[in-house]
């Protein structure tokens, strides 16, 4: 699905939630990662609508994505100027249904800055290659993880629990050794 050319989802969201602004962008990491930027004017509006918005995107957008990776890597950035109810923030960001939800308080104007700060930092081992265009990203290989996985069997992109425990133990040993 070429969802960037398909403006129906954004137009339909705007019709369904007229007090909220929406924008959809994609970031490419081998596959497209769809990111919705949802500008909400206040906490009350957020509280009343975040689940409805999430459900709408799941039922009118997510089900049409081409790959499982895209399907399970949708981000909803809820943008608002201030928020006092931290329990609401916690509830929304920890909701596991359909997409990853992140609340950005007092967001920068540039959406790329939000994505850079929230997704493409060193915590995820993903970095933008500054020599390429803005949408090109590269993965940095982690030698410790590669070494721990070497000669281990992975079937159907799954690793069994005992092998996972062995890998984690090896990673722990490698890290302890590096720190000495």
C-alpha atoms as a PDB file:
ATOM      1  CA  UNK A   1       0.000   0.000   0.000  1.00  0.00           C
ATOM      2  CA  UNK A   2       1.393   3.360  -0.913  1.00  0.00           C
ATOM      3  CA  UNK A   3      -0.104   5.112   2.057  1.00  0.00           C
ATOM      4  CA  UNK A   4       1.722   8.382   1.571  1.00  0.00           C
ATOM      5  CA  UNK A   5      -0.103   8.938  -1.707  1.00  0.00           C
ATOM      6  CA  UNK A   6      -3.329   7.777  -0.124  1.00  0.00           C
ATOM      7  CA  UNK A   7      -4.567  10.873   1.683  1.00  0.00           C
ATOM      8  CA  UNK A   8      -7.897   9.240   2.513  1.00  0.00           C
ATOM      9  CA  UNK A   9      -6.769   8.156   5.968  1.00  0.00           C
ATOM     10  CA  UNK A  10      -5.729  11.696   6.917  1.00  0.00           C
ATOM     11  CA  UNK A  11      -8.831  13.288   5.367  1.00  0.00           C
ATOM     12  CA  UNK A  12     -11.082  10.774   7.113  1.00  0.00           C
ATOM     13  CA  UNK A  13      -9.340  11.307  10.445  1.00  0.00           C
ATOM     14  CA  UNK A  14      -9.784  15.068  10.068  1.00  0.00           C
ATOM     15  CA  UNK A  15     -13.495  14.588   9.348  1.00  0.00           C
ATOM     16  CA  UNK A  16     -13.935  12.238  12.309  1.00  0.00           C
ATOM     17  CA  UNK A  17     -11.922  14.398  14.706  1.00  0.00           C
ATOM     18  CA  UNK A  18     -12.274  17.995  13.471  1.00  0.00           C
ATOM     19  CA  UNK A  19     -10.591  19.564  16.527  1.00  0.00           C
ATOM     20  CA  UNK A  20      -7.404  17.557  15.997  1.00  0.00           C
ATOM     21  CA  UNK A  21      -4.801  17.909  13.231  1.00  0.00           C
ATOM     22  CA  UNK A  22      -3.146  14.914  11.613  1.00  0.00           C
ATOM     23  CA  UNK A  23      -0.140  14.281   9.423  1.00  0.00           C
ATOM     24  CA  UNK A  24       1.302  10.986   8.181  1.00  0.00           C
ATOM     25  CA  UNK A  25       4.969  10.602   7.306  1.00  0.00           C
ATOM     26  CA  UNK A  26       7.101   7.588   6.587  1.00  0.00           C
ATOM     27  CA  UNK A  27      10.668   6.792   7.545  1.00  0.00           C
ATOM     28  CA  UNK A  28      12.520   4.056   5.734  1.00  0.00           C
ATOM     29  CA  UNK A  29      14.609   1.454   7.535  1.00  0.00           C
ATOM     30  CA  UNK A  30      14.643  -1.268   4.925  1.00  0.00           C
ATOM     31  CA  UNK A  31      10.836  -1.008   5.024  1.00  0.00           C
ATOM     32  CA  UNK A  32       8.553   1.917   5.663  1.00  0.00           C
ATOM     33  CA  UNK A  33       7.702   2.928   9.210  1.00  0.00           C
ATOM     34  CA  UNK A  34       4.452   4.897   9.218  1.00  0.00           C
ATOM     35  CA  UNK A  35       4.318   7.701  11.772  1.00  0.00           C
ATOM     36  CA  UNK A  36       1.209   9.715  12.541  1.00  0.00           C
ATOM     37  CA  UNK A  37       1.696  13.162  14.061  1.00  0.00           C
ATOM     38  CA  UNK A  38      -1.442  14.038  15.966  1.00  0.00           C
ATOM     39  CA  UNK A  39      -1.707  17.603  17.271  1.00  0.00           C
ATOM     40  CA  UNK A  40      -4.144  17.836  20.196  1.00  0.00           C
ATOM     41  CA  UNK A  41      -5.036  21.202  21.715  1.00  0.00           C
ATOM     42  CA  UNK A  42      -5.431  19.998  25.319  1.00  0.00           C
ATOM     43  CA  UNK A  43      -5.319  17.119  27.739  1.00  0.00           C
ATOM     44  CA  UNK A  44      -9.098  16.690  27.889  1.00  0.00           C
ATOM     45  CA  UNK A  45      -9.320  16.311  24.117  1.00  0.00           C
ATOM     46  CA  UNK A  46      -6.476  13.796  24.267  1.00  0.00           C
ATOM     47  CA  UNK A  47      -8.155  11.837  27.051  1.00  0.00           C
ATOM     48  CA  UNK A  48     -11.458  11.625  25.156  1.00  0.00           C
ATOM     49  CA  UNK A  49     -10.028  10.757  21.752  1.00  0.00           C
ATOM     50  CA  UNK A  50      -6.731   8.858  21.869  1.00  0.00           C
ATOM     51  CA  UNK A  51      -8.327   5.392  21.968  1.00  0.00           C
ATOM     52  CA  UNK A  52     -10.815   6.267  19.217  1.00  0.00           C
ATOM     53  CA  UNK A  53      -7.981   7.588  17.039  1.00  0.00           C
ATOM     54  CA  UNK A  54      -5.896   4.487  17.708  1.00  0.00           C
ATOM     55  CA  UNK A  55      -8.820   2.192  16.863  1.00  0.00           C
ATOM     56  CA  UNK A  56      -9.620   4.167  13.710  1.00  0.00           C
ATOM     57  CA  UNK A  57      -6.033   3.908  12.461  1.00  0.00           C
ATOM     58  CA  UNK A  58      -5.957   0.190  13.277  1.00  0.00           C
ATOM     59  CA  UNK A  59      -9.177  -0.551  11.425  1.00  0.00           C
ATOM     60  CA  UNK A  60      -8.815   1.840   8.473  1.00  0.00           C
ATOM     61  CA  UNK A  61      -5.066   1.893   7.879  1.00  0.00           C
ATOM     62  CA  UNK A  62      -3.087  -0.800   9.658  1.00  0.00           C
ATOM     63  CA  UNK A  63      -4.997  -3.715   8.170  1.00  0.00           C
ATOM     64  CA  UNK A  64      -3.977  -2.617   4.655  1.00  0.00           C
ATOM     65  CA  UNK A  65      -0.215  -2.522   5.181  1.00  0.00           C
ATOM     66  CA  UNK A  66       1.923  -4.854   3.079  1.00  0.00           C
ATOM     67  CA  UNK A  67       4.404  -6.288   5.543  1.00  0.00           C
ATOM     68  CA  UNK A  68       4.200  -7.567   9.081  1.00  0.00           C
ATOM     69  CA  UNK A  69       7.079  -5.251   9.990  1.00  0.00           C
ATOM     70  CA  UNK A  70       5.129  -2.196   8.848  1.00  0.00           C
ATOM     71  CA  UNK A  71       1.992  -3.481  10.554  1.00  0.00           C
ATOM     72  CA  UNK A  72       3.681  -3.752  13.947  1.00  0.00           C
ATOM     73  CA  UNK A  73       5.802  -0.615  13.698  1.00  0.00           C
ATOM     74  CA  UNK A  74       3.226   2.136  13.453  1.00  0.00           C
ATOM     75  CA  UNK A  75       3.881   5.136  15.653  1.00  0.00           C
ATOM     76  CA  UNK A  76       1.362   7.659  16.912  1.00  0.00           C
ATOM     77  CA  UNK A  77       2.977  10.836  18.197  1.00  0.00           C
ATOM     78  CA  UNK A  78       0.457  12.812  20.212  1.00  0.00           C
ATOM     79  CA  UNK A  79       1.652  16.409  20.336  1.00  0.00           C
ATOM     80  CA  UNK A  80       0.418  18.920  22.885  1.00  0.00           C
ATOM     81  CA  UNK A  81       1.803  22.031  24.517  1.00  0.00           C
ATOM     82  CA  UNK A  82       1.368  20.978  28.128  1.00  0.00           C
ATOM     83  CA  UNK A  83       0.209  18.024  30.147  1.00  0.00           C
ATOM     84  CA  UNK A  84      -0.282  17.732  33.865  1.00  0.00           C
ATOM     85  CA  UNK A  85      -1.902  14.303  34.162  1.00  0.00           C
ATOM     86  CA  UNK A  86       1.147  12.044  34.110  1.00  0.00           C
ATOM     87  CA  UNK A  87      -1.034   8.977  34.740  1.00  0.00           C
ATOM     88  CA  UNK A  88      -2.806   9.640  31.418  1.00  0.00           C
ATOM     89  CA  UNK A  89       0.560   9.904  29.666  1.00  0.00           C
ATOM     90  CA  UNK A  90       1.631   6.606  31.250  1.00  0.00           C
ATOM     91  CA  UNK A  91      -1.657   4.913  30.293  1.00  0.00           C
ATOM     92  CA  UNK A  92      -1.438   5.990  26.658  1.00  0.00           C
ATOM     93  CA  UNK A  93       2.253   5.237  26.173  1.00  0.00           C
ATOM     94  CA  UNK A  94       1.905   1.801  27.744  1.00  0.00           C
ATOM     95  CA  UNK A  95      -1.109   0.782  25.708  1.00  0.00           C
ATOM     96  CA  UNK A  96       0.000  -2.114  23.504  1.00  0.00           C
ATOM     97  CA  UNK A  97      -2.934  -2.270  21.088  1.00  0.00           C
ATOM     98  CA  UNK A  98      -2.124  -1.722  17.427  1.00  0.00           C
ATOM     99  CA  UNK A  99       0.656   0.864  17.593  1.00  0.00           C
ATOM    100  CA  UNK A 100       3.321   2.524  19.647  1.00  0.00           C
ATOM    101  CA  UNK A 101       2.059   5.724  21.186  1.00  0.00           C
ATOM    102  CA  UNK A 102       4.339   8.523  22.328  1.00  0.00           C
ATOM    103  CA  UNK A 103       3.260  11.792  23.875  1.00  0.00           C
ATOM    104  CA  UNK A 104       5.430  14.784  23.085  1.00  0.00           C
ATOM    105  CA  UNK A 105       4.911  17.778  25.330  1.00  0.00           C
ATOM    106  CA  UNK A 106       5.933  21.146  23.916  1.00  0.00           C
ATOM    107  CA  UNK A 107       7.119  19.566  20.651  1.00  0.00           C
ATOM    108  CA  UNK A 108       9.566  21.129  18.216  1.00  0.00           C
ATOM    109  CA  UNK A 109       8.007  22.423  14.993  1.00  0.00           C
ATOM    110  CA  UNK A 110      10.047  20.080  12.814  1.00  0.00           C
ATOM    111  CA  UNK A 111       8.662  16.539  12.862  1.00  0.00           C
ATOM    112  CA  UNK A 112      12.017  15.117  11.795  1.00  0.00           C
ATOM    113  CA  UNK A 113      13.495  16.413  15.056  1.00  0.00           C
ATOM    114  CA  UNK A 114      10.846  14.511  17.005  1.00  0.00           C
ATOM    115  CA  UNK A 115      11.561  11.291  15.141  1.00  0.00           C
ATOM    116  CA  UNK A 116      15.316  11.788  15.490  1.00  0.00           C
ATOM    117  CA  UNK A 117      15.021  12.263  19.233  1.00  0.00           C
ATOM    118  CA  UNK A 118      12.480   9.523  19.943  1.00  0.00           C
ATOM    119  CA  UNK A 119      13.343   6.749  17.508  1.00  0.00           C
ATOM    120  CA  UNK A 120      16.692   7.141  15.844  1.00  0.00           C
ATOM    121  CA  UNK A 121      18.980   7.594  18.779  1.00  0.00           C
ATOM    122  CA  UNK A 122      21.758   5.228  19.807  1.00  0.00           C
ATOM    123  CA  UNK A 123      19.437   3.345  22.153  1.00  0.00           C
ATOM    124  CA  UNK A 124      17.949   1.571  19.138  1.00  0.00           C
ATOM    125  CA  UNK A 125      21.291   1.068  17.392  1.00  0.00           C
ATOM    126  CA  UNK A 126      19.907   2.910  14.382  1.00  0.00           C
ATOM    127  CA  UNK A 127      21.565   6.001  13.050  1.00  0.00           C
ATOM    128  CA  UNK A 128      21.041   8.245  10.101  1.00  0.00           C
ATOM    129  CA  UNK A 129      23.822   8.107   7.577  1.00  0.00           C
ATOM    130  CA  UNK A 130      24.562  11.810   7.126  1.00  0.00           C
ATOM    131  CA  UNK A 131      26.127  11.214   3.709  1.00  0.00           C
ATOM    132  CA  UNK A 132      22.850   9.840   2.330  1.00  0.00           C
ATOM    133  CA  UNK A 133      19.526  11.563   1.895  1.00  0.00           C
ATOM    134  CA  UNK A 134      17.396  12.204   4.993  1.00  0.00           C
ATOM    135  CA  UNK A 135      15.227   9.125   4.627  1.00  0.00           C
ATOM    136  CA  UNK A 136      18.132   6.667   4.320  1.00  0.00           C
ATOM    137  CA  UNK A 137      19.091   4.902   7.509  1.00  0.00           C
ATOM    138  CA  UNK A 138      21.618   2.239   8.356  1.00  0.00           C
ATOM    139  CA  UNK A 139      21.842  -0.324  11.106  1.00  0.00           C
ATOM    140  CA  UNK A 140      25.048  -0.449  13.096  1.00  0.00           C
ATOM    141  CA  UNK A 141      26.110  -4.030  13.624  1.00  0.00           C
ATOM    142  CA  UNK A 142      26.704  -4.881  17.260  1.00  0.00           C
ATOM    143  CA  UNK A 143      29.769  -7.147  17.389  1.00  0.00           C
ATOM    144  CA  UNK A 144      28.987  -8.488  20.873  1.00  0.00           C
ATOM    145  CA  UNK A 145      25.527  -9.661  19.821  1.00  0.00           C
ATOM    146  CA  UNK A 146      26.872 -11.084  16.580  1.00  0.00           C
ATOM    147  CA  UNK A 147      29.545 -13.013  18.500  1.00  0.00           C
ATOM    148  CA  UNK A 148      26.979 -14.348  21.001  1.00  0.00           C
ATOM    149  CA  UNK A 149      24.673 -15.531  18.202  1.00  0.00           C
ATOM    150  CA  UNK A 150      27.454 -17.168  16.193  1.00  0.00           C
ATOM    151  CA  UNK A 151      26.903 -20.909  15.675  1.00  0.00           C
ATOM    152  CA  UNK A 152      23.444 -20.754  17.263  1.00  0.00           C
ATOM    153  CA  UNK A 153      20.457 -22.141  15.379  1.00  0.00           C
ATOM    154  CA  UNK A 154      17.547 -19.877  14.616  1.00  0.00           C
ATOM    155  CA  UNK A 155      14.547 -21.505  12.936  1.00  0.00           C
ATOM    156  CA  UNK A 156      11.763 -19.570  11.232  1.00  0.00           C
ATOM    157  CA  UNK A 157      13.173 -16.327  12.667  1.00  0.00           C
ATOM    158  CA  UNK A 158      12.558 -17.701  16.180  1.00  0.00           C
ATOM    159  CA  UNK A 159      15.021 -18.657  18.866  1.00  0.00           C
ATOM    160  CA  UNK A 160      14.064 -21.060  21.645  1.00  0.00           C
ATOM    161  CA  UNK A 161      14.191 -20.056  25.304  1.00  0.00           C
ATOM    162  CA  UNK A 162      17.306 -22.046  26.267  1.00  0.00           C
ATOM    163  CA  UNK A 163      19.306 -20.642  23.350  1.00  0.00           C
ATOM    164  CA  UNK A 164      18.087 -17.130  24.190  1.00  0.00           C
ATOM    165  CA  UNK A 165      19.290 -17.598  27.769  1.00  0.00           C
ATOM    166  CA  UNK A 166      22.676 -18.846  26.526  1.00  0.00           C
ATOM    167  CA  UNK A 167      22.981 -15.835  24.214  1.00  0.00           C
ATOM    168  CA  UNK A 168      22.116 -13.431  27.029  1.00  0.00           C
ATOM    169  CA  UNK A 169      24.663 -15.107  29.313  1.00  0.00           C
ATOM    170  CA  UNK A 170      27.315 -14.826  26.600  1.00  0.00           C
ATOM    171  CA  UNK A 171      26.503 -11.163  26.024  1.00  0.00           C
ATOM    172  CA  UNK A 172      26.771 -10.549  29.755  1.00  0.00           C
ATOM    173  CA  UNK A 173      30.176 -12.287  29.858  1.00  0.00           C
ATOM    174  CA  UNK A 174      31.434 -10.306  26.861  1.00  0.00           C
ATOM    175  CA  UNK A 175      30.297  -7.026  28.406  1.00  0.00           C
ATOM    176  CA  UNK A 176      31.889  -7.839  31.764  1.00  0.00           C
ATOM    177  CA  UNK A 177      35.096  -8.766  29.976  1.00  0.00           C
ATOM    178  CA  UNK A 178      35.064  -5.463  28.014  1.00  0.00           C
ATOM    179  CA  UNK A 179      34.649  -3.449  31.217  1.00  0.00           C
ATOM    180  CA  UNK A 180      37.753  -4.960  32.848  1.00  0.00           C
END
